[in-house]
Amino acid sequence: MDPTSLERLAALKRRLPQKLSLPESKPAQGQPMGRHPLETTQDPEKLFAELINASPDGHVPQHLLERLRGLEQQRGEGADGQTANQDGMSCEQEQYRVFEALLGDDEGM
């Protein structure tokens, strides 16, 4: 580099702002920092609503369906007398089977 360029570079360096200190941000209460509501929601109805809002085309990843199913089963364990159909499936299991079948129909298009 020639002396003029070095001088201009040094002048630019002197004019650059110093690092700004970042304000300390507090995570929202009830939500661990950096986690999406799909990962933290424990209410199956709220999780279902979040899934619908997050999926514009109706495609829901399998692991999220499993999480929803698990939350509903946990909630259902407290309730006695789940009705079963002829195949021994509970109503919730039957609904999931139908829901997954509908999702599969849309993927083929």
PDB file of N, CA and C in Angstrom:
ATOM      1  N   MET A   1       0.848  -1.187   0.000  1.00  0.00           N
ATOM      2  CA  MET A   1       0.000   0.000   0.000  1.00  0.00           C
ATOM      3  C   MET A   1       0.888   1.243   0.000  1.00  0.00           C
ATOM      4  N   ASP A   2       0.413   2.240  -0.684  1.00  0.00           N
ATOM      5  CA  ASP A   2       1.175   3.482  -0.722  1.00  0.00           C
ATOM      6  C   ASP A   2       0.885   4.316   0.534  1.00  0.00           C
ATOM      7  N   PRO A   3       1.720   5.288   0.852  1.00  0.00           N
ATOM      8  CA  PRO A   3       1.550   6.084   2.076  1.00  0.00           C
ATOM      9  C   PRO A   3       0.216   6.823   2.150  1.00  0.00           C
ATOM     10  N   THR A   4      -0.314   7.255   1.021  1.00  0.00           N
ATOM     11  CA  THR A   4      -1.591   7.967   1.024  1.00  0.00           C
ATOM     12  C   THR A   4      -2.728   7.035   1.447  1.00  0.00           C
ATOM     13  N   SER A   5      -2.714   5.827   0.931  1.00  0.00           N
ATOM     14  CA  SER A   5      -3.748   4.848   1.286  1.00  0.00           C
ATOM     15  C   SER A   5      -3.656   4.481   2.760  1.00  0.00           C
ATOM     16  N   LEU A   6      -2.432   4.297   3.272  1.00  0.00           N
ATOM     17  CA  LEU A   6      -2.258   3.986   4.685  1.00  0.00           C
ATOM     18  C   LEU A   6      -2.771   5.120   5.569  1.00  0.00           C
ATOM     19  N   GLU A   7      -2.515   6.344   5.140  1.00  0.00           N
ATOM     20  CA  GLU A   7      -2.979   7.512   5.902  1.00  0.00           C
ATOM     21  C   GLU A   7      -4.507   7.590   5.908  1.00  0.00           C
ATOM     22  N   ARG A   8      -5.119   7.336   4.763  1.00  0.00           N
ATOM     23  CA  ARG A   8      -6.587   7.351   4.679  1.00  0.00           C
ATOM     24  C   ARG A   8      -7.196   6.233   5.529  1.00  0.00           C
ATOM     25  N   LEU A   9      -6.561   5.050   5.522  1.00  0.00           N
ATOM     26  CA  LEU A   9      -7.032   3.926   6.317  1.00  0.00           C
ATOM     27  C   LEU A   9      -6.962   4.246   7.815  1.00  0.00           C
ATOM     28  N   ALA A  10      -5.875   4.871   8.237  1.00  0.00           N
ATOM     29  CA  ALA A  10      -5.728   5.249   9.646  1.00  0.00           C
ATOM     30  C   ALA A  10      -6.782   6.279  10.032  1.00  0.00           C
ATOM     31  N   ALA A  11      -7.080   7.220   9.145  1.00  0.00           N
ATOM     32  CA  ALA A  11      -8.098   8.237   9.430  1.00  0.00           C
ATOM     33  C   ALA A  11      -9.480   7.592   9.545  1.00  0.00           C
ATOM     34  N   LEU A  12      -9.778   6.642   8.677  1.00  0.00           N
ATOM     35  CA  LEU A  12     -11.056   5.939   8.758  1.00  0.00           C
ATOM     36  C   LEU A  12     -11.173   5.155  10.057  1.00  0.00           C
ATOM     37  N   LYS A  13     -10.065   4.549  10.459  1.00  0.00           N
ATOM     38  CA  LYS A  13     -10.079   3.768  11.692  1.00  0.00           C
ATOM     39  C   LYS A  13     -10.380   4.656  12.892  1.00  0.00           C
ATOM     40  N   ARG A  14      -9.863   5.855  12.900  1.00  0.00           N
ATOM     41  CA  ARG A  14     -10.119   6.775  14.016  1.00  0.00           C
ATOM     42  C   ARG A  14     -11.579   7.228  14.056  1.00  0.00           C
ATOM     43  N   ARG A  15     -12.229   7.275  12.899  1.00  0.00           N
ATOM     44  CA  ARG A  15     -13.619   7.741  12.838  1.00  0.00           C
ATOM     45  C   ARG A  15     -14.635   6.643  13.116  1.00  0.00           C
ATOM     46  N   LEU A  16     -14.225   5.373  13.088  1.00  0.00           N
ATOM     47  CA  LEU A  16     -15.160   4.281  13.334  1.00  0.00           C
ATOM     48  C   LEU A  16     -15.691   4.355  14.762  1.00  0.00           C
ATOM     49  N   PRO A  17     -16.987   4.077  14.922  1.00  0.00           N
ATOM     50  CA  PRO A  17     -17.543   4.127  16.282  1.00  0.00           C
ATOM     51  C   PRO A  17     -17.017   2.960  17.121  1.00  0.00           C
ATOM     52  N   GLN A  18     -16.957   3.201  18.402  1.00  0.00           N
ATOM     53  CA  GLN A  18     -16.549   2.151  19.328  1.00  0.00           C
ATOM     54  C   GLN A  18     -17.700   1.173  19.484  1.00  0.00           C
ATOM     55  N   LYS A  19     -17.399  -0.021  19.996  1.00  0.00           N
ATOM     56  CA  LYS A  19     -18.440  -1.018  20.207  1.00  0.00           C
ATOM     57  C   LYS A  19     -19.474  -0.480  21.178  1.00  0.00           C
ATOM     58  N   LEU A  20     -20.728  -0.644  20.814  1.00  0.00           N
ATOM     59  CA  LEU A  20     -21.812  -0.238  21.690  1.00  0.00           C
ATOM     60  C   LEU A  20     -22.122  -1.363  22.658  1.00  0.00           C
ATOM     61  N   SER A  21     -22.420  -0.991  23.882  1.00  0.00           N
ATOM     62  CA  SER A  21     -22.807  -2.028  24.837  1.00  0.00           C
ATOM     63  C   SER A  21     -24.256  -2.402  24.566  1.00  0.00           C
ATOM     64  N   LEU A  22     -24.522  -3.694  24.536  1.00  0.00           N
ATOM     65  CA  LEU A  22     -25.867  -4.177  24.260  1.00  0.00           C
ATOM     66  C   LEU A  22     -26.693  -4.158  25.538  1.00  0.00           C
ATOM     67  N   PRO A  23     -27.930  -3.692  25.459  1.00  0.00           N
ATOM     68  CA  PRO A  23     -28.777  -3.708  26.648  1.00  0.00           C
ATOM     69  C   PRO A  23     -29.107  -5.141  27.028  1.00  0.00           C
ATOM     70  N   GLU A  24     -29.194  -5.376  28.325  1.00  0.00           N
ATOM     71  CA  GLU A  24     -29.534  -6.713  28.790  1.00  0.00           C
ATOM     72  C   GLU A  24     -31.023  -6.935  28.591  1.00  0.00           C
ATOM     73  N   SER A  25     -31.345  -7.945  27.797  1.00  0.00           N
ATOM     74  CA  SER A  25     -32.756  -8.247  27.568  1.00  0.00           C
ATOM     75  C   SER A  25     -33.149  -9.418  28.446  1.00  0.00           C
ATOM     76  N   LYS A  26     -34.318  -9.323  29.011  1.00  0.00           N
ATOM     77  CA  LYS A  26     -34.822 -10.382  29.877  1.00  0.00           C
ATOM     78  C   LYS A  26     -35.731 -11.281  29.046  1.00  0.00           C
ATOM     79  N   PRO A  27     -35.603 -12.605  29.186  1.00  0.00           N
ATOM     80  CA  PRO A  27     -36.501 -13.503  28.449  1.00  0.00           C
ATOM     81  C   PRO A  27     -37.929 -13.343  28.950  1.00  0.00           C
ATOM     82  N   ALA A  28     -38.863 -13.584  28.059  1.00  0.00           N
ATOM     83  CA  ALA A  28     -40.278 -13.498  28.421  1.00  0.00           C
ATOM     84  C   ALA A  28     -40.586 -14.509  29.512  1.00  0.00           C
ATOM     85  N   GLN A  29     -41.417 -14.100  30.435  1.00  0.00           N
ATOM     86  CA  GLN A  29     -41.762 -15.005  31.520  1.00  0.00           C
ATOM     87  C   GLN A  29     -42.555 -16.181  30.979  1.00  0.00           C
ATOM     88  N   GLY A  30     -42.246 -17.362  31.486  1.00  0.00           N
ATOM     89  CA  GLY A  30     -42.956 -18.561  31.056  1.00  0.00           C
ATOM     90  C   GLY A  30     -42.367 -19.208  29.809  1.00  0.00           C
ATOM     91  N   GLN A  31     -41.527 -18.507  29.088  1.00  0.00           N
ATOM     92  CA  GLN A  31     -40.923 -19.048  27.872  1.00  0.00           C
ATOM     93  C   GLN A  31     -39.409 -19.088  28.047  1.00  0.00           C
ATOM     94  N   PRO A  32     -38.782 -20.245  27.969  1.00  0.00           N
ATOM     95  CA  PRO A  32     -37.324 -20.282  27.988  1.00  0.00           C
ATOM     96  C   PRO A  32     -36.792 -19.513  26.780  1.00  0.00           C
ATOM     97  N   MET A  33     -35.678 -18.830  26.967  1.00  0.00           N
ATOM     98  CA  MET A  33     -35.133 -17.981  25.914  1.00  0.00           C
ATOM     99  C   MET A  33     -34.777 -18.791  24.675  1.00  0.00           C
ATOM    100  N   GLY A  34     -35.193 -18.301  23.515  1.00  0.00           N
ATOM    101  CA  GLY A  34     -34.822 -18.906  22.250  1.00  0.00           C
ATOM    102  C   GLY A  34     -35.641 -20.114  21.845  1.00  0.00           C
ATOM    103  N   ARG A  35     -36.688 -20.431  22.565  1.00  0.00           N
ATOM    104  CA  ARG A  35     -37.482 -21.610  22.210  1.00  0.00           C
ATOM    105  C   ARG A  35     -38.836 -21.171  21.675  1.00  0.00           C
ATOM    106  N   HIS A  36     -39.262 -21.830  20.645  1.00  0.00           N
ATOM    107  CA  HIS A  36     -40.526 -21.531  19.987  1.00  0.00           C
ATOM    108  C   HIS A  36     -41.675 -22.126  20.798  1.00  0.00           C
ATOM    109  N   PRO A  37     -42.863 -21.498  20.753  1.00  0.00           N
ATOM    110  CA  PRO A  37     -44.017 -22.053  21.473  1.00  0.00           C
ATOM    111  C   PRO A  37     -44.335 -23.498  21.086  1.00  0.00           C
ATOM    112  N   LEU A  38     -43.981 -23.911  19.873  1.00  0.00           N
ATOM    113  CA  LEU A  38     -44.208 -25.304  19.481  1.00  0.00           C
ATOM    114  C   LEU A  38     -43.399 -26.262  20.349  1.00  0.00           C
ATOM    115  N   GLU A  39     -42.280 -25.786  20.875  1.00  0.00           N
ATOM    116  CA  GLU A  39     -41.424 -26.632  21.698  1.00  0.00           C
ATOM    117  C   GLU A  39     -41.783 -26.565  23.177  1.00  0.00           C
ATOM    118  N   THR A  40     -42.441 -25.491  23.594  1.00  0.00           N
ATOM    119  CA  THR A  40     -42.658 -25.273  25.023  1.00  0.00           C
ATOM    120  C   THR A  40     -44.097 -25.456  25.474  1.00  0.00           C
ATOM    121  N   THR A  41     -45.050 -25.369  24.569  1.00  0.00           N
ATOM    122  CA  THR A  41     -46.454 -25.461  24.939  1.00  0.00           C
ATOM    123  C   THR A  41     -46.772 -26.843  25.499  1.00  0.00           C
ATOM    124  N   GLN A  42     -47.442 -26.864  26.659  1.00  0.00           N
ATOM    125  CA  GLN A  42     -47.804 -28.126  27.290  1.00  0.00           C
ATOM    126  C   GLN A  42     -49.294 -28.432  27.157  1.00  0.00           C
ATOM    127  N   ASP A  43     -50.079 -27.471  26.705  1.00  0.00           N
ATOM    128  CA  ASP A  43     -51.517 -27.664  26.519  1.00  0.00           C
ATOM    129  C   ASP A  43     -51.753 -28.168  25.091  1.00  0.00           C
ATOM    130  N   PRO A  44     -52.350 -29.355  24.940  1.00  0.00           N
ATOM    131  CA  PRO A  44     -52.533 -29.912  23.589  1.00  0.00           C
ATOM    132  C   PRO A  44     -53.373 -29.014  22.684  1.00  0.00           C
ATOM    133  N   GLU A  45     -54.364 -28.337  23.231  1.00  0.00           N
ATOM    134  CA  GLU A  45     -55.197 -27.470  22.391  1.00  0.00           C
ATOM    135  C   GLU A  45     -54.408 -26.272  21.892  1.00  0.00           C
ATOM    136  N   LYS A  46     -53.570 -25.690  22.750  1.00  0.00           N
ATOM    137  CA  LYS A  46     -52.736 -24.565  22.321  1.00  0.00           C
ATOM    138  C   LYS A  46     -51.686 -25.030  21.308  1.00  0.00           C
ATOM    139  N   LEU A  47     -51.131 -26.223  21.546  1.00  0.00           N
ATOM    140  CA  LEU A  47     -50.148 -26.760  20.606  1.00  0.00           C
ATOM    141  C   LEU A  47     -50.778 -26.986  19.239  1.00  0.00           C
ATOM    142  N   PHE A  48     -51.994 -27.517  19.208  1.00  0.00           N
ATOM    143  CA  PHE A  48     -52.682 -27.724  17.938  1.00  0.00           C
ATOM    144  C   PHE A  48     -52.878 -26.387  17.220  1.00  0.00           C
ATOM    145  N   ALA A  49     -53.288 -25.355  17.973  1.00  0.00           N
ATOM    146  CA  ALA A  49     -53.469 -24.031  17.367  1.00  0.00           C
ATOM    147  C   ALA A  49     -52.147 -23.498  16.822  1.00  0.00           C
ATOM    148  N   GLU A  50     -51.055 -23.701  17.570  1.00  0.00           N
ATOM    149  CA  GLU A  50     -49.737 -23.258  17.095  1.00  0.00           C
ATOM    150  C   GLU A  50     -49.333 -24.012  15.824  1.00  0.00           C
ATOM    151  N   LEU A  51     -49.630 -25.302  15.769  1.00  0.00           N
ATOM    152  CA  LEU A  51     -49.305 -26.090  14.579  1.00  0.00           C
ATOM    153  C   LEU A  51     -50.057 -25.577  13.361  1.00  0.00           C
ATOM    154  N   ILE A  52     -51.330 -25.260  13.545  1.00  0.00           N
ATOM    155  CA  ILE A  52     -52.136 -24.742  12.439  1.00  0.00           C
ATOM    156  C   ILE A  52     -51.587 -23.397  11.976  1.00  0.00           C
ATOM    157  N   ASN A  53     -51.226 -22.523  12.926  1.00  0.00           N
ATOM    158  CA  ASN A  53     -50.696 -21.205  12.571  1.00  0.00           C
ATOM    159  C   ASN A  53     -49.338 -21.295  11.893  1.00  0.00           C
ATOM    160  N   ALA A  54     -48.522 -22.268  12.295  1.00  0.00           N
ATOM    161  CA  ALA A  54     -47.169 -22.385  11.754  1.00  0.00           C
ATOM    162  C   ALA A  54     -47.125 -23.074  10.400  1.00  0.00           C
ATOM    163  N   SER A  55     -48.196 -23.734  10.005  1.00  0.00           N
ATOM    164  CA  SER A  55     -48.181 -24.516   8.776  1.00  0.00           C
ATOM    165  C   SER A  55     -49.171 -23.955   7.766  1.00  0.00           C
ATOM    166  N   PRO A  56     -48.710 -23.137   6.840  1.00  0.00           N
ATOM    167  CA  PRO A  56     -49.624 -22.557   5.855  1.00  0.00           C
ATOM    168  C   PRO A  56     -50.183 -23.581   4.873  1.00  0.00           C
ATOM    169  N   ASP A  57     -49.438 -24.665   4.634  1.00  0.00           N
ATOM    170  CA  ASP A  57     -49.903 -25.658   3.656  1.00  0.00           C
ATOM    171  C   ASP A  57     -50.499 -26.900   4.306  1.00  0.00           C
ATOM    172  N   GLY A  58     -50.578 -26.928   5.638  1.00  0.00           N
ATOM    173  CA  GLY A  58     -51.170 -28.070   6.324  1.00  0.00           C
ATOM    174  C   GLY A  58     -50.195 -29.186   6.615  1.00  0.00           C
ATOM    175  N   HIS A  59     -48.930 -29.051   6.199  1.00  0.00           N
ATOM    176  CA  HIS A  59     -47.937 -30.090   6.461  1.00  0.00           C
ATOM    177  C   HIS A  59     -47.382 -29.903   7.869  1.00  0.00           C
ATOM    178  N   VAL A  60     -47.458 -30.964   8.678  1.00  0.00           N
ATOM    179  CA  VAL A  60     -46.948 -30.932  10.046  1.00  0.00           C
ATOM    180  C   VAL A  60     -45.918 -32.055  10.173  1.00  0.00           C
ATOM    181  N   PRO A  61     -44.704 -31.739  10.623  1.00  0.00           N
ATOM    182  CA  PRO A  61     -43.686 -32.778  10.776  1.00  0.00           C
ATOM    183  C   PRO A  61     -44.130 -33.867  11.754  1.00  0.00           C
ATOM    184  N   GLN A  62     -43.679 -35.066  11.493  1.00  0.00           N
ATOM    185  CA  GLN A  62     -44.086 -36.230  12.283  1.00  0.00           C
ATOM    186  C   GLN A  62     -43.743 -36.064  13.762  1.00  0.00           C
ATOM    187  N   HIS A  63     -42.572 -35.492  14.075  1.00  0.00           N
ATOM    188  CA  HIS A  63     -42.180 -35.371  15.480  1.00  0.00           C
ATOM    189  C   HIS A  63     -43.113 -34.437  16.251  1.00  0.00           C
ATOM    190  N   LEU A  64     -43.680 -33.444  15.561  1.00  0.00           N
ATOM    191  CA  LEU A  64     -44.634 -32.555  16.235  1.00  0.00           C
ATOM    192  C   LEU A  64     -45.979 -33.245  16.435  1.00  0.00           C
ATOM    193  N   LEU A  65     -46.372 -34.087  15.489  1.00  0.00           N
ATOM    194  CA  LEU A  65     -47.593 -34.874  15.680  1.00  0.00           C
ATOM    195  C   LEU A  65     -47.435 -35.829  16.860  1.00  0.00           C
ATOM    196  N   GLU A  66     -46.250 -36.427  16.977  1.00  0.00           N
ATOM    197  CA  GLU A  66     -45.980 -37.325  18.105  1.00  0.00           C
ATOM    198  C   GLU A  66     -46.034 -36.564  19.423  1.00  0.00           C
ATOM    199  N   ARG A  67     -45.497 -35.354  19.434  1.00  0.00           N
ATOM    200  CA  ARG A  67     -45.528 -34.542  20.652  1.00  0.00           C
ATOM    201  C   ARG A  67     -46.964 -34.206  21.034  1.00  0.00           C
ATOM    202  N   LEU A  68     -47.772 -33.833  20.055  1.00  0.00           N
ATOM    203  CA  LEU A  68     -49.177 -33.533  20.309  1.00  0.00           C
ATOM    204  C   LEU A  68     -49.900 -34.770  20.817  1.00  0.00           C
ATOM    205  N   ARG A  69     -49.649 -35.880  20.200  1.00  0.00           N
ATOM    206  CA  ARG A  69     -50.282 -37.137  20.618  1.00  0.00           C
ATOM    207  C   ARG A  69     -49.891 -37.471  22.066  1.00  0.00           C
ATOM    208  N   GLY A  70     -48.620 -37.309  22.398  1.00  0.00           N
ATOM    209  CA  GLY A  70     -48.149 -37.595  23.744  1.00  0.00           C
ATOM    210  C   GLY A  70     -48.796 -36.689  24.782  1.00  0.00           C
ATOM    211  N   LEU A  71     -48.924 -35.395  24.462  1.00  0.00           N
ATOM    212  CA  LEU A  71     -49.564 -34.469  25.398  1.00  0.00           C
ATOM    213  C   LEU A  71     -51.025 -34.814  25.615  1.00  0.00           C
ATOM    214  N   GLU A  72     -51.703 -35.202  24.532  1.00  0.00           N
ATOM    215  CA  GLU A  72     -53.112 -35.573  24.689  1.00  0.00           C
ATOM    216  C   GLU A  72     -53.256 -36.866  25.475  1.00  0.00           C
ATOM    217  N   GLN A  73     -52.331 -37.798  25.296  1.00  0.00           N
ATOM    218  CA  GLN A  73     -52.391 -39.040  26.065  1.00  0.00           C
ATOM    219  C   GLN A  73     -52.140 -38.774  27.544  1.00  0.00           C
ATOM    220  N   GLN A  74     -51.205 -37.864  27.850  1.00  0.00           N
ATOM    221  CA  GLN A  74     -50.955 -37.506  29.246  1.00  0.00           C
ATOM    222  C   GLN A  74     -52.199 -36.902  29.871  1.00  0.00           C
ATOM    223  N   ARG A  75     -52.857 -36.038  29.125  1.00  0.00           N
ATOM    224  CA  ARG A  75     -54.075 -35.406  29.630  1.00  0.00           C
ATOM    225  C   ARG A  75     -55.186 -36.447  29.764  1.00  0.00           C
ATOM    226  N   GLY A  76     -55.246 -37.394  28.833  1.00  0.00           N
ATOM    227  CA  GLY A  76     -56.288 -38.412  28.839  1.00  0.00           C
ATOM    228  C   GLY A  76     -56.093 -39.468  29.905  1.00  0.00           C
ATOM    229  N   GLU A  77     -54.858 -39.643  30.381  1.00  0.00           N
ATOM    230  CA  GLU A  77     -54.614 -40.648  31.406  1.00  0.00           C
ATOM    231  C   GLU A  77     -55.350 -40.325  32.694  1.00  0.00           C
ATOM    232  N   GLY A  78     -55.587 -39.062  32.940  1.00  0.00           N
ATOM    233  CA  GLY A  78     -56.314 -38.666  34.140  1.00  0.00           C
ATOM    234  C   GLY A  78     -57.803 -38.947  34.025  1.00  0.00           C
ATOM    235  N   ALA A  79     -58.330 -39.003  32.804  1.00  0.00           N
ATOM    236  CA  ALA A  79     -59.757 -39.251  32.593  1.00  0.00           C
ATOM    237  C   ALA A  79     -59.984 -40.755  32.467  1.00  0.00           C
ATOM    238  N   ASP A  80     -60.988 -41.273  33.176  1.00  0.00           N
ATOM    239  CA  ASP A  80     -61.295 -42.707  33.131  1.00  0.00           C
ATOM    240  C   ASP A  80     -62.258 -43.007  31.995  1.00  0.00           C
ATOM    241  N   GLY A  81     -62.228 -44.258  31.566  1.00  0.00           N
ATOM    242  CA  GLY A  81     -63.233 -44.763  30.636  1.00  0.00           C
ATOM    243  C   GLY A  81     -63.129 -44.244  29.233  1.00  0.00           C
ATOM    244  N   GLN A  82     -61.946 -44.294  28.617  1.00  0.00           N
ATOM    245  CA  GLN A  82     -61.866 -43.934  27.208  1.00  0.00           C
ATOM    246  C   GLN A  82     -62.643 -44.966  26.413  1.00  0.00           C
ATOM    247  N   THR A  83     -63.474 -44.486  25.513  1.00  0.00           N
ATOM    248  CA  THR A  83     -64.242 -45.419  24.693  1.00  0.00           C
ATOM    249  C   THR A  83     -63.368 -45.945  23.581  1.00  0.00           C
ATOM    250  N   ALA A  84     -63.538 -47.188  23.249  1.00  0.00           N
ATOM    251  CA  ALA A  84     -62.748 -47.804  22.189  1.00  0.00           C
ATOM    252  C   ALA A  84     -63.689 -48.267  21.088  1.00  0.00           C
ATOM    253  N   ASN A  85     -63.199 -48.207  19.844  1.00  0.00           N
ATOM    254  CA  ASN A  85     -64.006 -48.687  18.732  1.00  0.00           C
ATOM    255  C   ASN A  85     -63.808 -50.189  18.568  1.00  0.00           C
ATOM    256  N   GLN A  86     -64.295 -50.744  17.479  1.00  0.00           N
ATOM    257  CA  GLN A  86     -64.243 -52.193  17.273  1.00  0.00           C
ATOM    258  C   GLN A  86     -62.818 -52.726  17.197  1.00  0.00           C
ATOM    259  N   ASP A  87     -61.866 -51.929  16.721  1.00  0.00           N
ATOM    260  CA  ASP A  87     -60.482 -52.373  16.594  1.00  0.00           C
ATOM    261  C   ASP A  87     -59.698 -52.183  17.883  1.00  0.00           C
ATOM    262  N   GLY A  88     -60.319 -51.665  18.934  1.00  0.00           N
ATOM    263  CA  GLY A  88     -59.637 -51.433  20.195  1.00  0.00           C
ATOM    264  C   GLY A  88     -58.930 -50.088  20.257  1.00  0.00           C
ATOM    265  N   MET A  89     -59.169 -49.209  19.269  1.00  0.00           N
ATOM    266  CA  MET A  89     -58.553 -47.883  19.266  1.00  0.00           C
ATOM    267  C   MET A  89     -59.420 -46.926  20.068  1.00  0.00           C
ATOM    268  N   SER A  90     -58.775 -46.011  20.771  1.00  0.00           N
ATOM    269  CA  SER A  90     -59.535 -44.972  21.452  1.00  0.00           C
ATOM    270  C   SER A  90     -60.007 -43.964  20.406  1.00  0.00           C
ATOM    271  N   CYS A  91     -60.908 -43.113  20.804  1.00  0.00           N
ATOM    272  CA  CYS A  91     -61.411 -42.086  19.873  1.00  0.00           C
ATOM    273  C   CYS A  91     -60.281 -41.190  19.395  1.00  0.00           C
ATOM    274  N   GLU A  92     -59.364 -40.830  20.315  1.00  0.00           N
ATOM    275  CA  GLU A  92     -58.245 -39.966  19.931  1.00  0.00           C
ATOM    276  C   GLU A  92     -57.348 -40.651  18.906  1.00  0.00           C
ATOM    277  N   GLN A  93     -57.070 -41.937  19.110  1.00  0.00           N
ATOM    278  CA  GLN A  93     -56.226 -42.661  18.162  1.00  0.00           C
ATOM    279  C   GLN A  93     -56.896 -42.734  16.800  1.00  0.00           C
ATOM    280  N   GLU A  94     -58.189 -42.931  16.796  1.00  0.00           N
ATOM    281  CA  GLU A  94     -58.930 -42.977  15.541  1.00  0.00           C
ATOM    282  C   GLU A  94     -58.867 -41.632  14.829  1.00  0.00           C
ATOM    283  N   GLN A  95     -58.996 -40.554  15.606  1.00  0.00           N
ATOM    284  CA  GLN A  95     -58.927 -39.216  15.016  1.00  0.00           C
ATOM    285  C   GLN A  95     -57.544 -38.953  14.419  1.00  0.00           C
ATOM    286  N   TYR A  96     -56.492 -39.380  15.114  1.00  0.00           N
ATOM    287  CA  TYR A  96     -55.143 -39.219  14.567  1.00  0.00           C
ATOM    288  C   TYR A  96     -54.968 -40.015  13.285  1.00  0.00           C
ATOM    289  N   ARG A  97     -55.498 -41.217  13.246  1.00  0.00           N
ATOM    290  CA  ARG A  97     -55.388 -42.046  12.051  1.00  0.00           C
ATOM    291  C   ARG A  97     -56.048 -41.342  10.873  1.00  0.00           C
ATOM    292  N   VAL A  98     -57.245 -40.788  11.107  1.00  0.00           N
ATOM    293  CA  VAL A  98     -57.953 -40.075  10.048  1.00  0.00           C
ATOM    294  C   VAL A  98     -57.195 -38.811   9.653  1.00  0.00           C
ATOM    295  N   PHE A  99     -56.677 -38.075  10.643  1.00  0.00           N
ATOM    296  CA  PHE A  99     -55.932 -36.842  10.382  1.00  0.00           C
ATOM    297  C   PHE A  99     -54.696 -37.130   9.538  1.00  0.00           C
ATOM    298  N   GLU A 100     -53.933 -38.170   9.913  1.00  0.00           N
ATOM    299  CA  GLU A 100     -52.733 -38.522   9.145  1.00  0.00           C
ATOM    300  C   GLU A 100     -53.095 -38.990   7.741  1.00  0.00           C
ATOM    301  N   ALA A 101     -54.221 -39.679   7.602  1.00  0.00           N
ATOM    302  CA  ALA A 101     -54.659 -40.107   6.271  1.00  0.00           C
ATOM    303  C   ALA A 101     -54.990 -38.893   5.410  1.00  0.00           C
ATOM    304  N   LEU A 102     -55.625 -37.896   6.001  1.00  0.00           N
ATOM    305  CA  LEU A 102     -55.943 -36.679   5.252  1.00  0.00           C
ATOM    306  C   LEU A 102     -54.671 -35.940   4.848  1.00  0.00           C
ATOM    307  N   LEU A 103     -53.696 -35.894   5.746  1.00  0.00           N
ATOM    308  CA  LEU A 103     -52.425 -35.261   5.400  1.00  0.00           C
ATOM    309  C   LEU A 103     -51.752 -36.003   4.256  1.00  0.00           C
ATOM    310  N   GLY A 104     -51.818 -37.311   4.279  1.00  0.00           N
ATOM    311  CA  GLY A 104     -51.218 -38.119   3.223  1.00  0.00           C
ATOM    312  C   GLY A 104     -51.882 -37.888   1.878  1.00  0.00           C
ATOM    313  N   ASP A 105     -53.207 -37.647   1.883  1.00  0.00           N
ATOM    314  CA  ASP A 105     -53.915 -37.375   0.635  1.00  0.00           C
ATOM    315  C   ASP A 105     -53.446 -36.074   0.023  1.00  0.00           C
ATOM    316  N   ASP A 106     -53.185 -35.051   0.837  1.00  0.00           N
ATOM    317  CA  ASP A 106     -52.753 -33.753   0.328  1.00  0.00           C
ATOM    318  C   ASP A 106     -51.346 -33.819  -0.227  1.00  0.00           C
ATOM    319  N   GLU A 107     -50.492 -34.671   0.346  1.00  0.00           N
ATOM    320  CA  GLU A 107     -49.097 -34.744  -0.106  1.00  0.00           C
ATOM    321  C   GLU A 107     -48.994 -35.339  -1.500  1.00  0.00           C
ATOM    322  N   GLY A 108     -49.926 -36.161  -1.888  1.00  0.00           N
ATOM    323  CA  GLY A 108     -49.880 -36.807  -3.193  1.00  0.00           C
ATOM    324  C   GLY A 108     -50.212 -35.859  -4.331  1.00  0.00           C
ATOM    325  N   MET A 109     -50.759 -34.706  -4.019  1.00  0.00           N
ATOM    326  CA  MET A 109     -51.181 -33.759  -5.082  1.00  0.00           C
ATOM    327  C   MET A 109     -50.049 -32.894  -5.531  1.00  0.00           C
TER     328      MET A 109
END
